[in-house]
């Protein structure tokens, strides 16, 4: 019984860390908008699509993630989500234009859901 409790505890910490990273990513962009806009040579007022694309993608694909977890297993989908979210983060870092950044945020949103 003790081994199962330790396993459940680890699983809860992993899920909590995933939720923390998603929440952090949702909010941290707000503080970085002025410097990102400067680097991309666009007005900070045009950067709202960066935030909206992520949040909207998470909201739209969240029901799909539950279905996928039921069909392919929670562990497989959670691991795939972490990989996809990390890939989206890398694409965000490599973005050279606002459109590329928005598309990278959509990839992050799919992984975040």
N, C-alpha and C. Protein backbone atom coordinates (compact mmCIF):
# COMPACT_ATOMS: atom_id res chain seq x y z
N UNK A 1 0.82 -1.19 0.00
CA UNK A 1 0.00 0.00 0.00
C UNK A 1 0.87 1.26 0.00
N UNK A 2 1.99 1.22 0.71
CA UNK A 2 2.88 2.38 0.78
C UNK A 2 3.48 2.71 -0.59
N UNK A 3 3.82 1.68 -1.38
CA UNK A 3 4.40 1.91 -2.70
C UNK A 3 3.39 2.61 -3.61
N UNK A 4 2.14 2.19 -3.55
CA UNK A 4 1.12 2.83 -4.38
C UNK A 4 0.93 4.29 -3.95
N UNK A 5 0.97 4.58 -2.69
CA UNK A 5 0.83 5.94 -2.21
C UNK A 5 1.97 6.81 -2.71
N UNK A 6 3.18 6.28 -2.70
CA UNK A 6 4.33 7.04 -3.20
C UNK A 6 4.19 7.28 -4.70
N UNK A 7 3.69 6.30 -5.44
CA UNK A 7 3.50 6.46 -6.88
C UNK A 7 2.46 7.52 -7.17
N UNK A 8 1.37 7.49 -6.45
CA UNK A 8 0.31 8.49 -6.63
C UNK A 8 0.83 9.88 -6.28
N UNK A 9 1.63 9.96 -5.26
CA UNK A 9 2.19 11.26 -4.87
C UNK A 9 3.07 11.83 -5.98
N UNK A 10 3.91 10.98 -6.59
CA UNK A 10 4.75 11.43 -7.71
C UNK A 10 3.90 11.88 -8.88
N UNK A 11 2.85 11.12 -9.19
CA UNK A 11 1.96 11.49 -10.29
C UNK A 11 1.30 12.83 -10.04
N UNK A 12 0.87 13.06 -8.82
CA UNK A 12 0.24 14.34 -8.49
C UNK A 12 1.22 15.50 -8.63
N UNK A 13 2.47 15.29 -8.23
CA UNK A 13 3.48 16.35 -8.38
C UNK A 13 3.76 16.64 -9.86
N UNK A 14 3.79 15.60 -10.67
CA UNK A 14 4.03 15.79 -12.10
C UNK A 14 2.89 16.57 -12.74
N UNK A 15 1.66 16.21 -12.42
CA UNK A 15 0.51 16.92 -12.96
C UNK A 15 0.48 18.36 -12.45
N UNK A 16 0.76 18.57 -11.17
CA UNK A 16 0.79 19.92 -10.62
C UNK A 16 1.85 20.77 -11.30
N UNK A 17 3.01 20.19 -11.58
CA UNK A 17 4.06 20.92 -12.28
C UNK A 17 3.61 21.29 -13.68
N UNK A 18 2.92 20.38 -14.36
CA UNK A 18 2.39 20.68 -15.70
C UNK A 18 1.39 21.83 -15.67
N UNK A 19 0.49 21.81 -14.70
CA UNK A 19 -0.48 22.91 -14.58
C UNK A 19 0.22 24.23 -14.26
N UNK A 20 1.24 24.16 -13.41
CA UNK A 20 1.99 25.37 -13.08
C UNK A 20 2.66 25.95 -14.31
N UNK A 21 3.28 25.10 -15.12
CA UNK A 21 3.96 25.57 -16.33
C UNK A 21 2.96 26.19 -17.31
N UNK A 22 1.78 25.59 -17.43
CA UNK A 22 0.77 26.14 -18.34
C UNK A 22 0.29 27.50 -17.84
N UNK A 23 0.03 27.62 -16.56
CA UNK A 23 -0.41 28.88 -15.99
C UNK A 23 0.67 29.94 -16.11
N UNK A 24 1.89 29.56 -15.83
CA UNK A 24 3.01 30.49 -15.96
C UNK A 24 3.14 30.98 -17.40
N UNK A 25 3.01 30.07 -18.35
CA UNK A 25 3.14 30.45 -19.76
C UNK A 25 2.00 31.37 -20.19
N UNK A 26 0.81 31.14 -19.65
CA UNK A 26 -0.33 31.98 -20.00
C UNK A 26 -0.12 33.41 -19.53
N UNK A 27 0.46 33.58 -18.35
CA UNK A 27 0.56 34.92 -17.76
C UNK A 27 1.89 35.62 -18.04
N UNK A 28 2.96 34.89 -18.24
CA UNK A 28 4.28 35.51 -18.38
C UNK A 28 4.39 36.32 -19.65
N UNK A 29 3.65 35.95 -20.67
CA UNK A 29 3.72 36.66 -21.94
C UNK A 29 3.27 38.12 -21.77
N UNK A 30 2.33 38.35 -20.86
CA UNK A 30 1.85 39.71 -20.64
C UNK A 30 2.97 40.67 -20.26
N UNK A 31 3.88 40.21 -19.45
CA UNK A 31 4.97 41.09 -19.03
C UNK A 31 6.05 41.24 -20.10
N UNK A 32 6.12 40.28 -21.01
CA UNK A 32 7.16 40.30 -22.03
C UNK A 32 6.72 40.97 -23.33
N UNK A 33 5.46 41.37 -23.42
CA UNK A 33 4.94 41.92 -24.68
C UNK A 33 5.75 43.12 -25.18
N UNK A 34 6.08 44.10 -24.36
CA UNK A 34 6.84 45.24 -24.91
C UNK A 34 8.18 44.84 -25.53
N UNK A 35 8.91 43.98 -24.88
CA UNK A 35 10.22 43.59 -25.44
C UNK A 35 10.05 42.68 -26.66
N UNK A 36 9.05 41.82 -26.66
CA UNK A 36 8.80 40.99 -27.84
C UNK A 36 8.39 41.85 -29.02
N UNK A 37 7.53 42.83 -28.77
CA UNK A 37 7.09 43.72 -29.86
C UNK A 37 8.28 44.49 -30.42
N UNK A 38 9.18 44.93 -29.55
CA UNK A 38 10.37 45.64 -30.00
C UNK A 38 11.25 44.74 -30.87
N UNK A 39 11.46 43.49 -30.42
CA UNK A 39 12.29 42.55 -31.18
C UNK A 39 11.68 42.18 -32.53
N UNK A 40 10.36 42.14 -32.59
CA UNK A 40 9.68 41.77 -33.84
C UNK A 40 9.33 42.99 -34.70
N UNK A 41 9.69 44.17 -34.23
CA UNK A 41 9.42 45.42 -34.95
C UNK A 41 7.94 45.64 -35.25
N UNK A 42 7.10 45.36 -34.24
CA UNK A 42 5.68 45.63 -34.35
C UNK A 42 5.24 46.44 -33.14
N UNK A 43 4.08 47.04 -33.26
CA UNK A 43 3.53 47.80 -32.14
C UNK A 43 3.06 46.84 -31.06
N UNK A 44 3.27 47.20 -29.79
CA UNK A 44 2.76 46.34 -28.71
C UNK A 44 1.25 46.15 -28.79
N UNK A 45 0.54 47.07 -29.41
CA UNK A 45 -0.91 46.94 -29.54
C UNK A 45 -1.30 45.81 -30.50
N UNK A 46 -0.39 45.39 -31.36
CA UNK A 46 -0.67 44.29 -32.28
C UNK A 46 -0.35 42.92 -31.68
N UNK A 47 0.17 42.91 -30.48
CA UNK A 47 0.62 41.66 -29.87
C UNK A 47 -0.51 40.89 -29.16
N UNK A 48 -1.73 41.44 -29.15
CA UNK A 48 -2.82 40.75 -28.46
C UNK A 48 -3.09 39.36 -29.07
N UNK A 49 -2.80 39.20 -30.34
CA UNK A 49 -3.03 37.91 -30.98
C UNK A 49 -2.13 36.80 -30.40
N UNK A 50 -1.00 37.18 -29.85
CA UNK A 50 -0.10 36.20 -29.23
C UNK A 50 -0.78 35.58 -28.00
N UNK A 51 -1.44 36.39 -27.22
CA UNK A 51 -2.13 35.90 -26.02
C UNK A 51 -3.40 35.16 -26.40
N UNK A 52 -4.18 35.77 -27.27
CA UNK A 52 -5.48 35.19 -27.64
C UNK A 52 -5.30 33.84 -28.34
N UNK A 53 -4.31 33.71 -29.19
CA UNK A 53 -4.12 32.45 -29.92
C UNK A 53 -3.85 31.30 -28.96
N UNK A 54 -3.07 31.54 -27.92
CA UNK A 54 -2.76 30.47 -26.96
C UNK A 54 -4.00 30.09 -26.15
N UNK A 55 -4.66 31.08 -25.58
CA UNK A 55 -5.80 30.81 -24.71
C UNK A 55 -6.94 30.18 -25.50
N UNK A 56 -7.20 30.67 -26.68
CA UNK A 56 -8.27 30.13 -27.51
C UNK A 56 -7.96 28.69 -27.93
N UNK A 57 -6.72 28.42 -28.29
CA UNK A 57 -6.34 27.05 -28.68
C UNK A 57 -6.49 26.09 -27.51
N UNK A 58 -6.09 26.51 -26.32
CA UNK A 58 -6.27 25.65 -25.14
C UNK A 58 -7.75 25.38 -24.91
N UNK A 59 -8.57 26.41 -24.99
CA UNK A 59 -10.00 26.25 -24.73
C UNK A 59 -10.67 25.34 -25.76
N UNK A 60 -10.25 25.44 -27.01
CA UNK A 60 -10.88 24.63 -28.06
C UNK A 60 -10.42 23.18 -28.01
N UNK A 61 -9.16 22.95 -27.72
CA UNK A 61 -8.63 21.58 -27.78
C UNK A 61 -8.68 20.83 -26.45
N UNK A 62 -9.08 21.48 -25.38
CA UNK A 62 -9.14 20.81 -24.08
C UNK A 62 -10.09 19.61 -24.08
N UNK A 63 -11.30 19.71 -24.64
CA UNK A 63 -12.15 18.52 -24.68
C UNK A 63 -11.53 17.37 -25.49
N UNK A 64 -10.81 17.70 -26.55
CA UNK A 64 -10.15 16.68 -27.35
C UNK A 64 -9.09 15.94 -26.55
N UNK A 65 -8.41 16.64 -25.66
CA UNK A 65 -7.36 15.99 -24.88
C UNK A 65 -7.94 14.93 -23.95
N UNK A 66 -9.12 15.17 -23.40
CA UNK A 66 -9.76 14.15 -22.57
C UNK A 66 -10.13 12.91 -23.36
N UNK A 67 -10.64 13.12 -24.56
CA UNK A 67 -11.00 11.99 -25.42
C UNK A 67 -9.74 11.21 -25.81
N UNK A 68 -8.68 11.93 -26.17
CA UNK A 68 -7.43 11.26 -26.54
C UNK A 68 -6.85 10.48 -25.37
N UNK A 69 -6.95 11.04 -24.16
CA UNK A 69 -6.44 10.34 -22.97
C UNK A 69 -7.22 9.06 -22.72
N UNK A 70 -8.53 9.11 -22.91
CA UNK A 70 -9.34 7.90 -22.76
C UNK A 70 -8.99 6.86 -23.81
N UNK A 71 -8.69 7.30 -25.00
CA UNK A 71 -8.45 6.37 -26.12
C UNK A 71 -7.03 5.80 -26.11
N UNK A 72 -6.03 6.64 -25.83
CA UNK A 72 -4.63 6.22 -25.95
C UNK A 72 -3.89 6.12 -24.61
N UNK A 73 -4.51 6.49 -23.54
CA UNK A 73 -3.88 6.41 -22.23
C UNK A 73 -3.40 7.77 -21.74
N UNK A 74 -3.63 8.01 -20.48
CA UNK A 74 -3.27 9.30 -19.89
C UNK A 74 -1.78 9.55 -19.96
N UNK A 75 -0.99 8.55 -19.65
CA UNK A 75 0.47 8.70 -19.64
C UNK A 75 1.00 9.07 -21.03
N UNK A 76 0.51 8.39 -22.06
CA UNK A 76 0.98 8.67 -23.42
C UNK A 76 0.60 10.08 -23.87
N UNK A 77 -0.61 10.48 -23.59
CA UNK A 77 -1.07 11.81 -24.00
C UNK A 77 -0.36 12.89 -23.19
N UNK A 78 -0.16 12.66 -21.90
CA UNK A 78 0.52 13.66 -21.08
C UNK A 78 1.97 13.84 -21.56
N UNK A 79 2.65 12.75 -21.85
CA UNK A 79 4.02 12.83 -22.36
C UNK A 79 4.05 13.54 -23.71
N UNK A 80 3.11 13.19 -24.58
CA UNK A 80 3.03 13.85 -25.89
C UNK A 80 2.76 15.34 -25.74
N UNK A 81 1.93 15.70 -24.78
CA UNK A 81 1.61 17.11 -24.54
C UNK A 81 2.85 17.87 -24.08
N UNK A 82 3.64 17.26 -23.22
CA UNK A 82 4.87 17.92 -22.76
C UNK A 82 5.83 18.13 -23.93
N UNK A 83 5.97 17.12 -24.77
CA UNK A 83 6.85 17.24 -25.93
C UNK A 83 6.34 18.32 -26.87
N UNK A 84 5.04 18.33 -27.14
CA UNK A 84 4.45 19.32 -28.05
C UNK A 84 4.57 20.73 -27.48
N UNK A 85 4.33 20.87 -26.18
CA UNK A 85 4.46 22.18 -25.54
C UNK A 85 5.91 22.67 -25.61
N UNK A 86 6.86 21.76 -25.38
CA UNK A 86 8.28 22.14 -25.46
C UNK A 86 8.67 22.52 -26.88
N UNK A 87 8.16 21.78 -27.85
CA UNK A 87 8.42 22.13 -29.25
C UNK A 87 7.85 23.51 -29.57
N UNK A 88 6.64 23.79 -29.10
CA UNK A 88 6.04 25.11 -29.29
C UNK A 88 6.87 26.21 -28.65
N UNK A 89 7.43 25.93 -27.48
CA UNK A 89 8.28 26.91 -26.82
C UNK A 89 9.54 27.18 -27.62
N UNK A 90 10.13 26.14 -28.18
CA UNK A 90 11.30 26.31 -29.03
C UNK A 90 10.95 27.13 -30.26
N UNK A 91 9.81 26.84 -30.88
CA UNK A 91 9.37 27.60 -32.05
C UNK A 91 9.11 29.06 -31.70
N UNK A 92 8.58 29.31 -30.50
CA UNK A 92 8.39 30.70 -30.05
C UNK A 92 9.73 31.42 -29.97
N UNK A 93 10.72 30.74 -29.42
CA UNK A 93 12.04 31.35 -29.28
C UNK A 93 12.67 31.65 -30.63
N UNK A 94 12.37 30.83 -31.63
CA UNK A 94 12.97 30.99 -32.95
C UNK A 94 12.15 31.88 -33.88
N UNK A 95 10.99 32.35 -33.42
CA UNK A 95 10.11 33.14 -34.26
C UNK A 95 10.75 34.46 -34.67
N UNK A 96 10.63 34.77 -35.95
CA UNK A 96 11.20 36.01 -36.46
C UNK A 96 10.15 37.03 -36.87
N UNK A 97 8.88 36.64 -36.78
CA UNK A 97 7.80 37.57 -37.12
C UNK A 97 6.61 37.30 -36.21
N UNK A 98 5.67 38.21 -36.23
CA UNK A 98 4.48 38.06 -35.41
C UNK A 98 3.67 36.84 -35.84
N UNK A 99 3.56 36.61 -37.13
CA UNK A 99 2.80 35.46 -37.62
C UNK A 99 3.43 34.14 -37.17
N UNK A 100 4.75 34.06 -37.22
CA UNK A 100 5.43 32.85 -36.75
C UNK A 100 5.21 32.65 -35.26
N UNK A 101 5.24 33.74 -34.51
CA UNK A 101 5.03 33.65 -33.07
C UNK A 101 3.61 33.18 -32.76
N UNK A 102 2.63 33.68 -33.48
CA UNK A 102 1.25 33.25 -33.26
C UNK A 102 1.09 31.77 -33.57
N UNK A 103 1.68 31.31 -34.66
CA UNK A 103 1.59 29.88 -35.00
C UNK A 103 2.30 29.02 -33.94
N UNK A 104 3.42 29.49 -33.43
CA UNK A 104 4.13 28.76 -32.38
C UNK A 104 3.30 28.72 -31.10
N UNK A 105 2.58 29.78 -30.81
CA UNK A 105 1.70 29.81 -29.64
C UNK A 105 0.53 28.85 -29.80
N UNK A 106 0.06 28.66 -31.04
CA UNK A 106 -0.99 27.68 -31.28
C UNK A 106 -0.46 26.28 -30.99
N UNK A 107 0.77 25.99 -31.41
CA UNK A 107 1.38 24.68 -31.10
C UNK A 107 1.50 24.52 -29.59
N UNK A 108 1.92 25.57 -28.92
CA UNK A 108 2.01 25.52 -27.45
C UNK A 108 0.63 25.28 -26.84
N UNK A 109 -0.38 25.93 -27.39
CA UNK A 109 -1.73 25.78 -26.86
C UNK A 109 -2.25 24.37 -27.00
N UNK A 110 -1.92 23.71 -28.11
CA UNK A 110 -2.34 22.32 -28.30
C UNK A 110 -1.64 21.44 -27.24
N UNK A 111 -0.36 21.69 -27.03
CA UNK A 111 0.36 20.95 -25.99
C UNK A 111 -0.14 21.30 -24.61
N UNK A 112 -0.52 22.54 -24.38
CA UNK A 112 -1.01 22.97 -23.08
C UNK A 112 -2.37 22.39 -22.73
N UNK A 113 -3.14 22.07 -23.74
CA UNK A 113 -4.48 21.51 -23.49
C UNK A 113 -4.36 20.06 -23.11
